[in-house]
Amino acid sequence: MIDCREAVRRMWAYLDHALERGPVEEFETHLEACQRCCGELEFSRHLKEMAAESGSDSLPDPLRRRSELLLGGGGLPTQEGNNP
C-alpha cells in the first residue's frame, strides 16, 4: 500500500482523472484506510471547485504548489502514524 506522502503526491492527478488504473486503485485503497488523506482529498476537491467557480478549469500553478507543500509537508504521518 502507498503511504500518505505518495497519496498526497497523486491527489491532483487523481482529481484531474490523469492517473492510470493501477495508481488509481492504489490511491483508493489507501483512502479506504486513511481518514487523514480522505480529509486532504476533500480539501483539495473544495479548492478545485473554488477554482472552477472563478472561471478556471484548474488551480493556478503557484496555488497548486503551495497546497501540495501544505498537504505533503514533512509533518504528514505515514499510514502507520509515523513521520516518513
PDB file of N, CA and C in Angstrom:
ATOM      1  N   MET A   1       0.850  -1.182   0.000  1.00  0.00           N
ATOM      2  CA  MET A   1       0.000   0.000   0.000  1.00  0.00           C
ATOM      3  C   MET A   1       0.894   1.243   0.000  1.00  0.00           C
ATOM      4  N   ILE A   2       0.424   2.286  -0.681  1.00  0.00           N
ATOM      5  CA  ILE A   2       1.185   3.535  -0.707  1.00  0.00           C
ATOM      6  C   ILE A   2       1.033   4.247   0.642  1.00  0.00           C
ATOM      7  N   ASP A   3       2.007   5.108   0.961  1.00  0.00           N
ATOM      8  CA  ASP A   3       1.924   5.874   2.202  1.00  0.00           C
ATOM      9  C   ASP A   3       1.256   7.222   1.941  1.00  0.00           C
ATOM     10  N   CYS A   4       1.073   7.993   3.008  1.00  0.00           N
ATOM     11  CA  CYS A   4       0.388   9.285   2.897  1.00  0.00           C
ATOM     12  C   CYS A   4       1.123  10.243   1.977  1.00  0.00           C
ATOM     13  N   ARG A   5       2.430  10.259   2.053  1.00  0.00           N
ATOM     14  CA  ARG A   5       3.198  11.176   1.214  1.00  0.00           C
ATOM     15  C   ARG A   5       2.934  10.878  -0.270  1.00  0.00           C
ATOM     16  N   GLU A   6       2.919   9.620  -0.643  1.00  0.00           N
ATOM     17  CA  GLU A   6       2.657   9.253  -2.037  1.00  0.00           C
ATOM     18  C   GLU A   6       1.204   9.552  -2.402  1.00  0.00           C
ATOM     19  N   ALA A   7       0.282   9.338  -1.475  1.00  0.00           N
ATOM     20  CA  ALA A   7      -1.126   9.641  -1.744  1.00  0.00           C
ATOM     21  C   ALA A   7      -1.304  11.128  -2.047  1.00  0.00           C
ATOM     22  N   VAL A   8      -0.666  11.980  -1.254  1.00  0.00           N
ATOM     23  CA  VAL A   8      -0.765  13.426  -1.488  1.00  0.00           C
ATOM     24  C   VAL A   8      -0.131  13.785  -2.828  1.00  0.00           C
ATOM     25  N   ARG A   9       0.970  13.130  -3.158  1.00  0.00           N
ATOM     26  CA  ARG A   9       1.631  13.402  -4.436  1.00  0.00           C
ATOM     27  C   ARG A   9       0.703  13.077  -5.614  1.00  0.00           C
ATOM     28  N   ARG A  10      -0.131  12.070  -5.472  1.00  0.00           N
ATOM     29  CA  ARG A  10      -1.033  11.647  -6.550  1.00  0.00           C
ATOM     30  C   ARG A  10      -2.374  12.372  -6.559  1.00  0.00           C
ATOM     31  N   MET A  11      -2.665  13.111  -5.508  1.00  0.00           N
ATOM     32  CA  MET A  11      -4.010  13.647  -5.303  1.00  0.00           C
ATOM     33  C   MET A  11      -4.513  14.508  -6.456  1.00  0.00           C
ATOM     34  N   TRP A  12      -3.710  15.470  -6.934  1.00  0.00           N
ATOM     35  CA  TRP A  12      -4.180  16.358  -8.004  1.00  0.00           C
ATOM     36  C   TRP A  12      -4.375  15.588  -9.305  1.00  0.00           C
ATOM     37  N   ALA A  13      -3.485  14.661  -9.598  1.00  0.00           N
ATOM     38  CA  ALA A  13      -3.648  13.845 -10.807  1.00  0.00           C
ATOM     39  C   ALA A  13      -4.928  13.013 -10.702  1.00  0.00           C
ATOM     40  N   TYR A  14      -5.215  12.518  -9.507  1.00  0.00           N
ATOM     41  CA  TYR A  14      -6.442  11.758  -9.277  1.00  0.00           C
ATOM     42  C   TYR A  14      -7.661  12.647  -9.541  1.00  0.00           C
ATOM     43  N   LEU A  15      -7.651  13.841  -8.979  1.00  0.00           N
ATOM     44  CA  LEU A  15      -8.780  14.759  -9.174  1.00  0.00           C
ATOM     45  C   LEU A  15      -8.931  15.182 -10.627  1.00  0.00           C
ATOM     46  N   ASP A  16      -7.830  15.226 -11.359  1.00  0.00           N
ATOM     47  CA  ASP A  16      -7.855  15.590 -12.782  1.00  0.00           C
ATOM     48  C   ASP A  16      -8.094  14.387 -13.686  1.00  0.00           C
ATOM     49  N   HIS A  17      -8.317  13.214 -13.088  1.00  0.00           N
ATOM     50  CA  HIS A  17      -8.522  11.974 -13.840  1.00  0.00           C
ATOM     51  C   HIS A  17      -7.340  11.683 -14.754  1.00  0.00           C
ATOM     52  N   ALA A  18      -6.139  11.930 -14.233  1.00  0.00           N
ATOM     53  CA  ALA A  18      -4.929  11.778 -15.040  1.00  0.00           C
ATOM     54  C   ALA A  18      -4.059  10.603 -14.591  1.00  0.00           C
ATOM     55  N   LEU A  19      -4.571   9.771 -13.694  1.00  0.00           N
ATOM     56  CA  LEU A  19      -3.818   8.587 -13.253  1.00  0.00           C
ATOM     57  C   LEU A  19      -4.281   7.361 -14.024  1.00  0.00           C
ATOM     58  N   GLU A  20      -3.363   6.442 -14.221  1.00  0.00           N
ATOM     59  CA  GLU A  20      -3.726   5.171 -14.842  1.00  0.00           C
ATOM     60  C   GLU A  20      -4.418   4.290 -13.802  1.00  0.00           C
ATOM     61  N   ARG A  21      -4.992   3.213 -14.249  1.00  0.00           N
ATOM     62  CA  ARG A  21      -5.807   2.346 -13.395  1.00  0.00           C
ATOM     63  C   ARG A  21      -5.071   1.843 -12.154  1.00  0.00           C
ATOM     64  N   GLY A  22      -3.843   1.348 -12.303  1.00  0.00           N
ATOM     65  CA  GLY A  22      -3.091   0.820 -11.162  1.00  0.00           C
ATOM     66  C   GLY A  22      -2.877   1.857 -10.073  1.00  0.00           C
ATOM     67  N   PRO A  23      -2.340   3.034 -10.416  1.00  0.00           N
ATOM     68  CA  PRO A  23      -2.172   4.077  -9.402  1.00  0.00           C
ATOM     69  C   PRO A  23      -3.495   4.546  -8.784  1.00  0.00           C
ATOM     70  N   VAL A  24      -4.579   4.559  -9.570  1.00  0.00           N
ATOM     71  CA  VAL A  24      -5.889   4.922  -9.020  1.00  0.00           C
ATOM     72  C   VAL A  24      -6.302   3.906  -7.965  1.00  0.00           C
ATOM     73  N   GLU A  25      -6.142   2.635  -8.270  1.00  0.00           N
ATOM     74  CA  GLU A  25      -6.522   1.583  -7.326  1.00  0.00           C
ATOM     75  C   GLU A  25      -5.694   1.676  -6.045  1.00  0.00           C
ATOM     76  N   GLU A  26      -4.394   1.923  -6.187  1.00  0.00           N
ATOM     77  CA  GLU A  26      -3.531   2.075  -5.008  1.00  0.00           C
ATOM     78  C   GLU A  26      -3.965   3.283  -4.176  1.00  0.00           C
ATOM     79  N   PHE A  27      -4.277   4.384  -4.844  1.00  0.00           N
ATOM     80  CA  PHE A  27      -4.717   5.594  -4.161  1.00  0.00           C
ATOM     81  C   PHE A  27      -6.024   5.343  -3.415  1.00  0.00           C
ATOM     82  N   GLU A  28      -6.991   4.739  -4.082  1.00  0.00           N
ATOM     83  CA  GLU A  28      -8.287   4.488  -3.460  1.00  0.00           C
ATOM     84  C   GLU A  28      -8.182   3.477  -2.323  1.00  0.00           C
ATOM     85  N   THR A  29      -7.305   2.494  -2.437  1.00  0.00           N
ATOM     86  CA  THR A  29      -7.073   1.540  -1.346  1.00  0.00           C
ATOM     87  C   THR A  29      -6.515   2.275  -0.135  1.00  0.00           C
ATOM     88  N   HIS A  30      -5.601   3.190  -0.372  1.00  0.00           N
ATOM     89  CA  HIS A  30      -5.046   3.987   0.725  1.00  0.00           C
ATOM     90  C   HIS A  30      -6.159   4.797   1.400  1.00  0.00           C
ATOM     91  N   LEU A  31      -7.033   5.420   0.598  1.00  0.00           N
ATOM     92  CA  LEU A  31      -8.109   6.232   1.160  1.00  0.00           C
ATOM     93  C   LEU A  31      -9.057   5.413   2.025  1.00  0.00           C
ATOM     94  N   GLU A  32      -9.253   4.147   1.678  1.00  0.00           N
ATOM     95  CA  GLU A  32     -10.133   3.291   2.471  1.00  0.00           C
ATOM     96  C   GLU A  32      -9.619   3.128   3.899  1.00  0.00           C
ATOM     97  N   ALA A  33      -8.309   3.236   4.084  1.00  0.00           N
ATOM     98  CA  ALA A  33      -7.707   3.005   5.385  1.00  0.00           C
ATOM     99  C   ALA A  33      -7.229   4.275   6.079  1.00  0.00           C
ATOM    100  N   CYS A  34      -7.249   5.416   5.402  1.00  0.00           N
ATOM    101  CA  CYS A  34      -6.620   6.618   5.950  1.00  0.00           C
ATOM    102  C   CYS A  34      -7.602   7.790   6.002  1.00  0.00           C
ATOM    103  N   GLN A  35      -8.101   8.048   7.184  1.00  0.00           N
ATOM    104  CA  GLN A  35      -9.049   9.132   7.369  1.00  0.00           C
ATOM    105  C   GLN A  35      -8.414  10.493   7.083  1.00  0.00           C
ATOM    106  N   ARG A  36      -7.159  10.670   7.439  1.00  0.00           N
ATOM    107  CA  ARG A  36      -6.500  11.956   7.216  1.00  0.00           C
ATOM    108  C   ARG A  36      -6.435  12.292   5.717  1.00  0.00           C
ATOM    109  N   CYS A  37      -6.031  11.333   4.909  1.00  0.00           N
ATOM    110  CA  CYS A  37      -5.938  11.590   3.470  1.00  0.00           C
ATOM    111  C   CYS A  37      -7.317  11.810   2.856  1.00  0.00           C
ATOM    112  N   CYS A  38      -8.352  11.184   3.416  1.00  0.00           N
ATOM    113  CA  CYS A  38      -9.715  11.466   2.943  1.00  0.00           C
ATOM    114  C   CYS A  38     -10.048  12.931   3.166  1.00  0.00           C
ATOM    115  N   GLY A  39      -9.647  13.462   4.321  1.00  0.00           N
ATOM    116  CA  GLY A  39      -9.863  14.876   4.599  1.00  0.00           C
ATOM    117  C   GLY A  39      -9.064  15.764   3.660  1.00  0.00           C
ATOM    118  N   GLU A  40      -7.825  15.357   3.370  1.00  0.00           N
ATOM    119  CA  GLU A  40      -6.987  16.127   2.446  1.00  0.00           C
ATOM    120  C   GLU A  40      -7.595  16.120   1.046  1.00  0.00           C
ATOM    121  N   LEU A  41      -8.184  14.990   0.658  1.00  0.00           N
ATOM    122  CA  LEU A  41      -8.826  14.900  -0.654  1.00  0.00           C
ATOM    123  C   LEU A  41     -10.032  15.836  -0.722  1.00  0.00           C
ATOM    124  N   GLU A  42     -10.828  15.869   0.339  1.00  0.00           N
ATOM    125  CA  GLU A  42     -11.981  16.757   0.363  1.00  0.00           C
ATOM    126  C   GLU A  42     -11.548  18.226   0.299  1.00  0.00           C
ATOM    127  N   PHE A  43     -10.470  18.574   1.013  1.00  0.00           N
ATOM    128  CA  PHE A  43      -9.920  19.930   0.953  1.00  0.00           C
ATOM    129  C   PHE A  43      -9.498  20.265  -0.479  1.00  0.00           C
ATOM    130  N   SER A  44      -8.811  19.345  -1.124  1.00  0.00           N
ATOM    131  CA  SER A  44      -8.345  19.559  -2.489  1.00  0.00           C
ATOM    132  C   SER A  44      -9.515  19.681  -3.457  1.00  0.00           C
ATOM    133  N   ARG A  45     -10.545  18.858  -3.256  1.00  0.00           N
ATOM    134  CA  ARG A  45     -11.746  18.964  -4.102  1.00  0.00           C
ATOM    135  C   ARG A  45     -12.384  20.340  -3.948  1.00  0.00           C
ATOM    136  N   HIS A  46     -12.434  20.807  -2.718  1.00  0.00           N
ATOM    137  CA  HIS A  46     -13.024  22.119  -2.457  1.00  0.00           C
ATOM    138  C   HIS A  46     -12.220  23.215  -3.161  1.00  0.00           C
ATOM    139  N   LEU A  47     -10.888  23.152  -3.080  1.00  0.00           N
ATOM    140  CA  LEU A  47     -10.057  24.131  -3.781  1.00  0.00           C
ATOM    141  C   LEU A  47     -10.313  24.091  -5.289  1.00  0.00           C
ATOM    142  N   LYS A  48     -10.418  22.893  -5.812  1.00  0.00           N
ATOM    143  CA  LYS A  48     -10.658  22.729  -7.254  1.00  0.00           C
ATOM    144  C   LYS A  48     -12.022  23.308  -7.638  1.00  0.00           C
ATOM    145  N   GLU A  49     -13.031  23.087  -6.802  1.00  0.00           N
ATOM    146  CA  GLU A  49     -14.359  23.652  -7.057  1.00  0.00           C
ATOM    147  C   GLU A  49     -14.328  25.177  -7.021  1.00  0.00           C
ATOM    148  N   MET A  50     -13.581  25.731  -6.054  1.00  0.00           N
ATOM    149  CA  MET A  50     -13.457  27.186  -5.970  1.00  0.00           C
ATOM    150  C   MET A  50     -12.793  27.743  -7.227  1.00  0.00           C
ATOM    151  N   ALA A  51     -11.789  27.034  -7.725  1.00  0.00           N
ATOM    152  CA  ALA A  51     -11.118  27.476  -8.953  1.00  0.00           C
ATOM    153  C   ALA A  51     -12.087  27.424 -10.124  1.00  0.00           C
ATOM    154  N   ALA A  52     -12.895  26.370 -10.190  1.00  0.00           N
ATOM    155  CA  ALA A  52     -13.864  26.246 -11.288  1.00  0.00           C
ATOM    156  C   ALA A  52     -14.909  27.355 -11.222  1.00  0.00           C
ATOM    157  N   GLU A  53     -15.339  27.694 -10.008  1.00  0.00           N
ATOM    158  CA  GLU A  53     -16.325  28.766  -9.849  1.00  0.00           C
ATOM    159  C   GLU A  53     -15.759  30.118 -10.269  1.00  0.00           C
ATOM    160  N   SER A  54     -14.445  30.247 -10.176  1.00  0.00           N
ATOM    161  CA  SER A  54     -13.823  31.515 -10.557  1.00  0.00           C
ATOM    162  C   SER A  54     -13.555  31.586 -12.060  1.00  0.00           C
ATOM    163  N   GLY A  55     -13.954  30.529 -12.790  1.00  0.00           N
ATOM    164  CA  GLY A  55     -13.795  30.534 -14.237  1.00  0.00           C
ATOM    165  C   GLY A  55     -12.559  29.824 -14.729  1.00  0.00           C
ATOM    166  N   SER A  56     -11.856  29.146 -13.855  1.00  0.00           N
ATOM    167  CA  SER A  56     -10.645  28.418 -14.230  1.00  0.00           C
ATOM    168  C   SER A  56     -10.910  26.921 -14.142  1.00  0.00           C
ATOM    169  N   ASP A  57     -10.342  26.156 -15.072  1.00  0.00           N
ATOM    170  CA  ASP A  57     -10.504  24.703 -15.048  1.00  0.00           C
ATOM    171  C   ASP A  57      -9.653  24.046 -13.972  1.00  0.00           C
ATOM    172  N   SER A  58      -8.576  24.706 -13.585  1.00  0.00           N
ATOM    173  CA  SER A  58      -7.692  24.125 -12.576  1.00  0.00           C
ATOM    174  C   SER A  58      -7.097  25.236 -11.728  1.00  0.00           C
ATOM    175  N   LEU A  59      -6.434  24.826 -10.670  1.00  0.00           N
ATOM    176  CA  LEU A  59      -5.783  25.803  -9.806  1.00  0.00           C
ATOM    177  C   LEU A  59      -4.591  26.410 -10.513  1.00  0.00           C
ATOM    178  N   PRO A  60      -4.337  27.674 -10.278  1.00  0.00           N
ATOM    179  CA  PRO A  60      -3.101  28.261 -10.812  1.00  0.00           C
ATOM    180  C   PRO A  60      -1.897  27.510 -10.235  1.00  0.00           C
ATOM    181  N   ASP A  61      -0.838  27.372 -11.023  1.00  0.00           N
ATOM    182  CA  ASP A  61       0.337  26.609 -10.583  1.00  0.00           C
ATOM    183  C   ASP A  61       0.876  27.043  -9.227  1.00  0.00           C
ATOM    184  N   PRO A  62       1.011  28.339  -8.942  1.00  0.00           N
ATOM    185  CA  PRO A  62       1.541  28.712  -7.619  1.00  0.00           C
ATOM    186  C   PRO A  62       0.653  28.227  -6.471  1.00  0.00           C
ATOM    187  N   LEU A  63      -0.671  28.306  -6.633  1.00  0.00           N
ATOM    188  CA  LEU A  63      -1.572  27.846  -5.589  1.00  0.00           C
ATOM    189  C   LEU A  63      -1.513  26.329  -5.457  1.00  0.00           C
ATOM    190  N   ARG A  64      -1.436  25.637  -6.576  1.00  0.00           N
ATOM    191  CA  ARG A  64      -1.334  24.181  -6.537  1.00  0.00           C
ATOM    192  C   ARG A  64      -0.053  23.748  -5.824  1.00  0.00           C
ATOM    193  N   ARG A  65       1.064  24.401  -6.146  1.00  0.00           N
ATOM    194  CA  ARG A  65       2.335  24.054  -5.492  1.00  0.00           C
ATOM    195  C   ARG A  65       2.266  24.311  -3.996  1.00  0.00           C
ATOM    196  N   ARG A  66       1.680  25.448  -3.611  1.00  0.00           N
ATOM    197  CA  ARG A  66       1.575  25.762  -2.177  1.00  0.00           C
ATOM    198  C   ARG A  66       0.687  24.762  -1.458  1.00  0.00           C
ATOM    199  N   SER A  67      -0.414  24.376  -2.074  1.00  0.00           N
ATOM    200  CA  SER A  67      -1.299  23.407  -1.426  1.00  0.00           C
ATOM    201  C   SER A  67      -0.637  22.038  -1.344  1.00  0.00           C
ATOM    202  N   GLU A  68       0.128  21.653  -2.370  1.00  0.00           N
ATOM    203  CA  GLU A  68       0.856  20.383  -2.308  1.00  0.00           C
ATOM    204  C   GLU A  68       1.890  20.409  -1.188  1.00  0.00           C
ATOM    205  N   LEU A  69       2.565  21.547  -1.024  1.00  0.00           N
ATOM    206  CA  LEU A  69       3.531  21.672   0.070  1.00  0.00           C
ATOM    207  C   LEU A  69       2.833  21.592   1.414  1.00  0.00           C
ATOM    208  N   LEU A  70       1.702  22.250   1.533  1.00  0.00           N
ATOM    209  CA  LEU A  70       0.950  22.228   2.775  1.00  0.00           C
ATOM    210  C   LEU A  70       0.472  20.815   3.096  1.00  0.00           C
ATOM    211  N   LEU A  71      -0.129  20.157   2.110  1.00  0.00           N
ATOM    212  CA  LEU A  71      -0.678  18.822   2.327  1.00  0.00           C
ATOM    213  C   LEU A  71       0.406  17.771   2.443  1.00  0.00           C
ATOM    214  N   GLY A  72       1.492  17.931   1.714  1.00  0.00           N
ATOM    215  CA  GLY A  72       2.535  16.916   1.698  1.00  0.00           C
ATOM    216  C   GLY A  72       3.742  17.276   2.526  1.00  0.00           C
ATOM    217  N   GLY A  73       3.609  18.249   3.410  1.00  0.00           N
ATOM    218  CA  GLY A  73       4.735  18.704   4.216  1.00  0.00           C
ATOM    219  C   GLY A  73       5.312  17.619   5.092  1.00  0.00           C
ATOM    220  N   GLY A  74       6.473  17.893   5.656  1.00  0.00           N
ATOM    221  CA  GLY A  74       7.197  16.924   6.465  1.00  0.00           C
ATOM    222  C   GLY A  74       6.434  16.414   7.662  1.00  0.00           C
ATOM    223  N   GLY A  75       5.392  17.110   8.092  1.00  0.00           N
ATOM    224  CA  GLY A  75       4.645  16.669   9.254  1.00  0.00           C
ATOM    225  C   GLY A  75       3.564  15.659   8.944  1.00  0.00           C
ATOM    226  N   LEU A  76       3.388  15.304   7.702  1.00  0.00           N
ATOM    227  CA  LEU A  76       2.338  14.373   7.323  1.00  0.00           C
ATOM    228  C   LEU A  76       2.718  12.964   7.720  1.00  0.00           C
ATOM    229  N   PRO A  77       1.919  12.303   8.565  1.00  0.00           N
ATOM    230  CA  PRO A  77       2.286  10.951   9.004  1.00  0.00           C
ATOM    231  C   PRO A  77       2.068   9.921   7.912  1.00  0.00           C
ATOM    232  N   THR A  78       2.760   8.818   8.028  1.00  0.00           N
ATOM    233  CA  THR A  78       2.530   7.691   7.132  1.00  0.00           C
ATOM    234  C   THR A  78       1.307   6.945   7.619  1.00  0.00           C
ATOM    235  N   GLN A  79       0.904   5.920   6.906  1.00  0.00           N
ATOM    236  CA  GLN A  79      -0.261   5.123   7.262  1.00  0.00           C
ATOM    237  C   GLN A  79      -0.159   4.614   8.702  1.00  0.00           C
ATOM    238  N   GLU A  80       1.017   4.239   9.138  1.00  0.00           N
ATOM    239  CA  GLU A  80       1.218   3.686  10.463  1.00  0.00           C
ATOM    240  C   GLU A  80       1.265   4.768  11.530  1.00  0.00           C
ATOM    241  N   GLY A  81       1.197   6.036  11.138  1.00  0.00           N
ATOM    242  CA  GLY A  81       1.208   7.124  12.081  1.00  0.00           C
ATOM    243  C   GLY A  81       2.590   7.659  12.372  1.00  0.00           C
ATOM    244  N   ASN A  82       3.610   7.192  11.647  1.00  0.00           N
ATOM    245  CA  ASN A  82       4.971   7.684  11.827  1.00  0.00           C
ATOM    246  C   ASN A  82       5.293   8.687  10.753  1.00  0.00           C
ATOM    247  N   ASN A  83       6.136   9.638  11.057  1.00  0.00           N
ATOM    248  CA  ASN A  83       6.582  10.560  10.020  1.00  0.00           C
ATOM    249  C   ASN A  83       7.568   9.858   9.126  1.00  0.00           C
ATOM    250  N   PRO A  84       7.465  10.064   7.799  1.00  0.00           N
ATOM    251  CA  PRO A  84       8.384   9.396   6.873  1.00  0.00           C
ATOM    252  C   PRO A  84       9.799   9.898   7.015  1.00  0.00           C
TER     253      PRO A  84
END
